[in-house]
Structure formats: structure tokens, C-alpha cells
Amino acid sequence: MEAKENDTLARHPCSAVPHGGVSAAASCGMFEDGGSTHGLDMTIVSRYPLALAAAVLAASITLAACAAPDHAAASYVREVPMQSPVLTRFATPTPGIHSGGRITADDVSALRAAGIRHVINLAPAGETPDFDEASAVRAAGMRYDTLPIAGAGDLDREAVLAFDRLLQAAEGPTLVHCASGNRVGALVALRAAWLQGVDEEAAVAEGRRWGLRGLEDEVRGRMARERCLADARDATGAARCDAGG
């Protein structure tokens, strides 16, 4: 019996439908007019009904899967937020943190909608007397912190340490701002130099990415003073550092 079946398969290779699936069956003409082509004896098909049914079922499942929409992918595309116009005004120096200039009352709801969850303001409240930023931001459901830097005179180690703590404790997407981003960049540069051990040029370059511009000379002067103090051996040397020597 086995020899007879092998002989039948040899004479009719297309009868091995399970191994080739529907594609093989179609190429052999098995599905034209419900019969056979190329001389295939339909008795062979009748001898392998389960195998043929399995092949047809597998092909149907495959075709259905190809035709069905990828709901997971579609959902992911829908959930990826578009870049909000309000955020285009700010730099993104590091993932999850934006930096730049002053915001207004009209910006608060847009920032919240854009995904911002924490606002750090380096400008003293007196710079915007007609806008209670703290209340507006908190009312919109965002965390608010302030570190008033009125000018170059406030760029000291204490301020840098406080700024570092705020960044370390940032909750979710964060906006750090002052009036233009200049003070933000200044603190970032000093933080890089004093707390992270970055050399002066690299620290200044980092500050620029966050908004450092007009305060660059002040920042470099403070870095030079710190280096001078580190090398000073006595009070006379420290006094010379303070005098700019």
C-alpha cells in the first residue's frame, strides 16, 4: 500500500497540498471550477480531505490577519502627542525639560495641555506684578517652584545648589524659565562647572543650550574666581581672588 501511495505522489506531485498550502494548490490548479487542472486526479484530493481542509483554514486565517487593521499600532499613533505650538518657543536641552523666557496667563492652560507638569520660575515676582504666576500654574494642576534670581549678583553657589535640588526633584515634563532664558542658562553653566566638574568651555556651551547669552561674561568671571580660590593658600590669596586678581 505504501509503495502504491508513493507511486501516486510521484506521478501527481501537486497532491502534496499540506506541504505547500493554498499557494501550492492554486499553482497546481486544484481550485479552478471545483475540480482539477493539469491532469490531477480528484480521487487524490478525496484521499486527503483533512490535510486539505487544514491548509485552506490556515490560509484563511492568514488572509484575515493581513486584512485586519493593526489596532495596537493605530492606538499608539493616536496617543503620541503632537508638538504643541506653545512649546516651540522654548528650548529642549534635555528630554523632559524645556527652558526659555517668560510665560503669560494665556500660556498656562496651553502648557498644561501640552503635557507640562512642573514649572520652575527664576524671575522674581516683582517682574510681573499683573500676573500671579504661582496661583495660575497651581490652579491648572501643575507643580510650581520659584528661585528668584534678580541679576548677576544672585549667581552664587547657594543659588546653584538650590537650582540643582529643584532639577533633581523635577516631577514630569518641566518648564524652567525666567524672562528670556538667560538666567536659566547661567545657573546651568555654573552647575555644570561647580557641581559636575565640567571644564569652563563645556560648561558655558551647556549653558547656551539652555538660554545663556548676556550673562556669559559674569558666568566666566565666577568660574575664574572659584578656580582662584581653589588655588589660594592663604587669606591674602583669597582677597586677591575677590579683587579679580
Protein backbone atom coordinates (compact mmCIF):
# COMPACT_ATOMS: atom_id res chain seq x y z
CA MET A 1 0.00 0.00 0.00
CA GLU A 2 2.82 2.42 0.92
CA ALA A 3 4.56 1.75 -2.37
CA LYS A 4 1.34 2.41 -4.27
CA GLU A 5 0.83 5.75 -2.46
CA ASN A 6 4.41 6.81 -3.15
CA ASP A 7 3.93 5.97 -6.78
CA THR A 8 0.75 8.07 -6.87
CA LEU A 9 2.52 11.06 -5.28
CA ALA A 10 5.40 10.75 -7.69
CA ARG A 11 3.06 10.87 -10.66
CA HIS A 12 0.99 13.70 -9.09
CA PRO A 13 3.33 15.96 -7.03
CA CYS A 14 0.61 18.56 -6.56
CA SER A 15 -1.26 16.10 -4.38
CA ALA A 16 1.11 17.03 -1.51
CA VAL A 17 -1.05 20.03 -0.74
CA PRO A 18 -0.41 20.17 3.02
CA HIS A 19 3.24 20.90 2.46
CA GLY A 20 2.68 23.73 0.01
CA GLY A 21 -0.54 25.18 1.38
CA VAL A 22 -3.07 27.01 -0.71
CA SER A 23 -0.39 28.66 -2.83
CA ALA A 24 0.84 25.30 -3.97
CA ALA A 25 -2.69 24.11 -4.51
CA ALA A 26 -3.52 27.16 -6.58
CA SER A 27 -0.39 26.76 -8.68
CA CYS A 28 -1.44 23.22 -9.41
CA GLY A 29 -4.92 24.34 -10.49
CA MET A 30 -6.80 22.46 -7.81
CA PHE A 31 -9.40 25.16 -7.22
CA GLU A 32 -10.50 26.01 -10.72
CA ASP A 33 -14.19 25.12 -11.23
CA GLY A 34 -14.06 22.98 -8.11
CA GLY A 35 -12.06 20.34 -9.89
CA SER A 36 -8.54 19.87 -11.06
CA THR A 37 -6.25 21.02 -13.81
CA HIS A 38 -3.02 19.77 -15.21
CA GLY A 39 -4.41 16.24 -15.05
CA LEU A 40 -4.75 15.94 -11.23
CA ASP A 41 -6.97 13.03 -10.28
CA MET A 42 -9.63 14.33 -7.83
CA THR A 43 -9.60 10.97 -6.07
CA ILE A 44 -6.24 12.04 -4.63
CA VAL A 45 -7.86 15.10 -3.09
CA SER A 46 -10.61 12.94 -1.64
CA ARG A 47 -7.97 10.74 0.00
CA TYR A 48 -6.52 13.73 1.91
CA PRO A 49 -9.61 15.69 2.99
CA LEU A 50 -8.37 16.65 6.46
CA ALA A 51 -4.99 17.87 5.24
CA LEU A 52 -6.62 19.95 2.51
CA ALA A 53 -9.11 21.45 4.98
CA ALA A 54 -6.30 22.36 7.35
CA ALA A 55 -4.39 24.09 4.57
CA VAL A 56 -7.45 26.09 3.50
CA LEU A 57 -8.20 27.09 7.10
CA ALA A 58 -4.60 28.25 7.69
CA ALA A 59 -4.67 30.34 4.54
CA SER A 60 -7.99 31.91 5.55
CA ILE A 61 -6.62 32.90 8.95
CA THR A 62 -3.52 34.38 7.35
CA LEU A 63 -5.54 36.42 4.86
CA ALA A 64 -7.85 37.66 7.61
CA ALA A 65 -4.91 38.75 9.71
CA CYS A 66 -3.42 40.65 6.80
CA ALA A 67 -6.69 42.42 6.11
CA ALA A 68 -7.45 43.32 9.74
CA PRO A 69 -6.26 46.76 10.90
CA ASP A 70 -3.45 46.90 13.44
CA HIS A 71 -5.46 48.36 16.30
CA ALA A 72 -2.47 48.46 18.65
CA ALA A 73 -0.40 50.46 16.17
CA ALA A 74 -3.32 52.75 15.41
CA SER A 75 -3.84 53.34 19.12
CA TYR A 76 -0.16 54.16 19.61
CA VAL A 77 -0.26 56.69 16.78
CA ARG A 78 -3.30 58.35 18.32
CA GLU A 79 -1.61 58.56 21.74
CA VAL A 80 1.64 60.18 20.56
CA PRO A 81 1.13 63.89 21.31
CA MET A 82 1.70 66.45 18.63
CA GLN A 83 4.25 69.17 19.35
CA SER A 84 2.25 71.98 20.93
CA PRO A 85 2.77 75.46 19.44
CA VAL A 86 3.37 76.86 22.93
CA LEU A 87 6.42 74.61 23.37
CA THR A 88 8.07 75.78 20.15
CA ARG A 89 9.02 78.97 21.98
CA PHE A 90 11.23 77.03 24.37
CA ALA A 91 14.42 75.03 24.05
CA THR A 92 14.51 71.36 24.97
CA PRO A 93 18.08 70.95 26.26
CA THR A 94 17.38 67.58 27.84
CA PRO A 95 14.48 65.13 27.46
CA GLY A 96 11.53 66.16 29.58
CA ILE A 97 12.80 69.66 30.38
CA HIS A 98 12.08 72.85 28.44
CA SER A 99 13.77 76.18 29.09
CA GLY A 100 13.17 79.72 27.98
CA GLY A 101 11.54 83.04 28.70
CA ARG A 102 8.54 84.49 30.44
CA ILE A 103 5.08 82.98 30.25
CA THR A 104 1.73 84.77 30.44
CA ALA A 105 -1.68 83.94 31.82
CA ASP A 106 -2.74 82.83 28.34
CA ASP A 107 0.06 80.26 28.24
CA VAL A 108 -0.84 78.37 31.39
CA SER A 109 -3.68 76.20 30.07
CA ALA A 110 -1.77 75.57 26.84
CA LEU A 111 1.28 74.40 28.79
CA ARG A 112 -0.89 72.05 30.83
CA ALA A 113 -2.48 70.68 27.66
CA ALA A 114 0.97 70.24 26.12
CA GLY A 115 1.95 67.94 28.97
CA ILE A 116 3.91 70.26 31.26
CA ARG A 117 3.50 69.19 34.88
CA HIS A 118 6.06 71.34 36.70
CA VAL A 119 7.05 74.98 36.28
CA ILE A 120 10.22 76.45 37.81
CA ASN A 121 10.40 80.25 37.65
CA LEU A 122 13.72 82.04 38.22
CA ALA A 123 12.29 85.54 37.84
CA PRO A 124 11.25 87.49 40.96
CA ALA A 125 7.51 88.02 41.26
CA GLY A 126 8.04 91.77 41.02
CA GLU A 127 8.91 91.46 37.35
CA THR A 128 5.30 90.52 36.54
CA PRO A 129 3.15 92.47 39.02
CA ASP A 130 -0.01 91.97 36.98
CA PHE A 131 0.31 88.20 36.76
CA ASP A 132 0.23 85.85 39.74
CA GLU A 133 2.05 83.02 38.02
CA ALA A 134 2.24 80.80 41.09
CA SER A 135 -1.54 80.80 41.62
CA ALA A 136 -2.32 80.36 37.94
CA VAL A 137 0.05 77.43 37.48
CA ARG A 138 -1.13 75.64 40.61
CA ALA A 139 -4.79 76.24 39.72
CA ALA A 140 -4.12 74.50 36.40
CA GLY A 141 -2.91 71.41 38.24
CA MET A 142 0.84 71.84 37.82
CA ARG A 143 3.55 72.00 40.44
CA TYR A 144 5.17 75.40 40.84
CA ASP A 145 8.53 76.35 42.33
CA THR A 146 10.40 79.63 42.29
CA LEU A 147 14.04 80.57 42.80
CA PRO A 148 14.28 84.37 42.39
CA ILE A 149 17.43 85.43 40.53
CA ALA A 150 17.24 89.21 40.17
CA GLY A 151 20.54 89.54 38.33
CA ALA A 152 24.21 88.64 38.24
CA GLY A 153 24.60 89.35 41.95
CA ASP A 154 22.45 86.32 42.77
CA LEU A 155 24.58 83.88 40.79
CA ASP A 156 26.34 82.36 43.79
CA ARG A 157 27.00 78.83 44.98
CA GLU A 158 23.93 78.83 47.22
CA ALA A 159 21.68 79.61 44.27
CA VAL A 160 23.35 76.94 42.16
CA LEU A 161 22.82 74.33 44.88
CA ALA A 162 19.16 75.31 45.22
CA PHE A 163 18.72 75.16 41.46
CA ASP A 164 20.30 71.70 41.38
CA ARG A 165 17.87 70.48 44.04
CA LEU A 166 14.92 71.76 42.02
CA LEU A 167 16.07 69.97 38.89
CA GLN A 168 16.72 66.77 40.82
CA ALA A 169 13.18 66.90 42.20
CA ALA A 170 11.50 67.83 38.91
CA GLU A 171 8.20 65.99 38.53
CA GLY A 172 7.28 65.03 34.99
CA PRO A 173 7.75 67.29 31.97
CA THR A 174 9.13 70.54 33.33
CA LEU A 175 9.44 74.14 32.16
CA VAL A 176 12.29 76.20 33.64
CA HIS A 177 12.10 79.88 32.76
CA CYS A 178 12.99 83.45 33.66
CA ALA A 179 12.35 86.46 31.42
CA SER A 180 14.44 85.27 28.46
CA GLY A 181 16.21 82.06 29.49
CA ASN A 182 19.46 83.93 30.19
CA ARG A 183 19.39 83.38 33.95
CA VAL A 184 18.40 79.75 33.45
CA GLY A 185 21.42 79.19 31.23
CA ALA A 186 23.71 80.98 33.69
CA LEU A 187 22.74 78.69 36.55
CA VAL A 188 23.04 75.64 34.31
CA ALA A 189 26.59 76.62 33.30
CA LEU A 190 27.66 77.24 36.89
CA ARG A 191 26.04 73.99 37.98
CA ALA A 192 27.97 72.10 35.31
CA ALA A 193 31.26 73.70 36.36
CA TRP A 194 30.89 73.72 40.15
CA LEU A 195 28.84 70.61 40.84
CA GLN A 196 29.56 68.34 37.90
CA GLY A 197 33.23 69.09 37.33
CA VAL A 198 32.84 70.18 33.71
CA ASP A 199 35.54 72.42 32.25
CA GLU A 200 34.73 76.06 31.55
CA GLU A 201 34.16 75.87 27.80
CA ALA A 202 31.94 72.80 28.03
CA ALA A 203 30.00 74.33 30.93
CA VAL A 204 29.39 77.56 29.01
CA ALA A 205 28.31 75.59 25.95
CA GLU A 206 25.80 73.71 28.10
CA GLY A 207 24.52 77.00 29.49
CA ARG A 208 24.00 78.33 25.98
CA ARG A 209 21.82 75.34 25.13
CA TRP A 210 19.53 76.37 27.98
CA GLY A 211 19.49 80.08 27.09
CA LEU A 212 22.70 81.70 28.36
CA ARG A 213 23.54 84.88 26.46
CA GLY A 214 24.14 88.25 28.12
CA LEU A 215 25.34 86.81 31.42
CA GLU A 216 28.15 84.75 29.87
CA ASP A 217 30.92 87.13 30.97
CA GLU A 218 29.56 87.12 34.53
CA VAL A 219 29.47 83.33 34.49
CA ARG A 220 33.05 83.08 33.25
CA GLY A 221 34.17 85.56 35.91
CA ARG A 222 32.63 83.45 38.65
CA MET A 223 34.22 80.31 37.32
CA ALA A 224 37.62 82.04 37.26
CA ARG A 225 37.15 83.22 40.85
CA GLU A 226 36.33 79.70 42.00
CA ARG A 227 39.48 78.37 40.38
CA CYS A 228 41.49 81.15 42.00
CA LEU A 229 40.06 80.38 45.43
CA ALA A 230 40.83 76.70 44.98
CA ASP A 231 44.48 77.60 44.39
CA ALA A 232 44.71 80.26 47.11
CA ARG A 233 46.94 79.26 50.00
CA ASP A 234 46.01 81.96 52.48
CA ALA A 235 43.70 84.89 53.15
CA THR A 236 45.86 87.17 51.05
CA GLY A 237 45.43 84.90 48.08
CA ALA A 238 41.67 84.71 48.65
CA ALA A 239 41.48 88.51 48.83
CA ARG A 240 43.32 88.72 45.54
CA CYS A 241 40.72 86.36 44.01
CA ASP A 242 37.90 88.58 45.25
CA ALA A 243 39.63 91.59 43.71
CA GLY A 244 39.75 89.84 40.38
CA GLY A 245 43.41 89.01 40.56
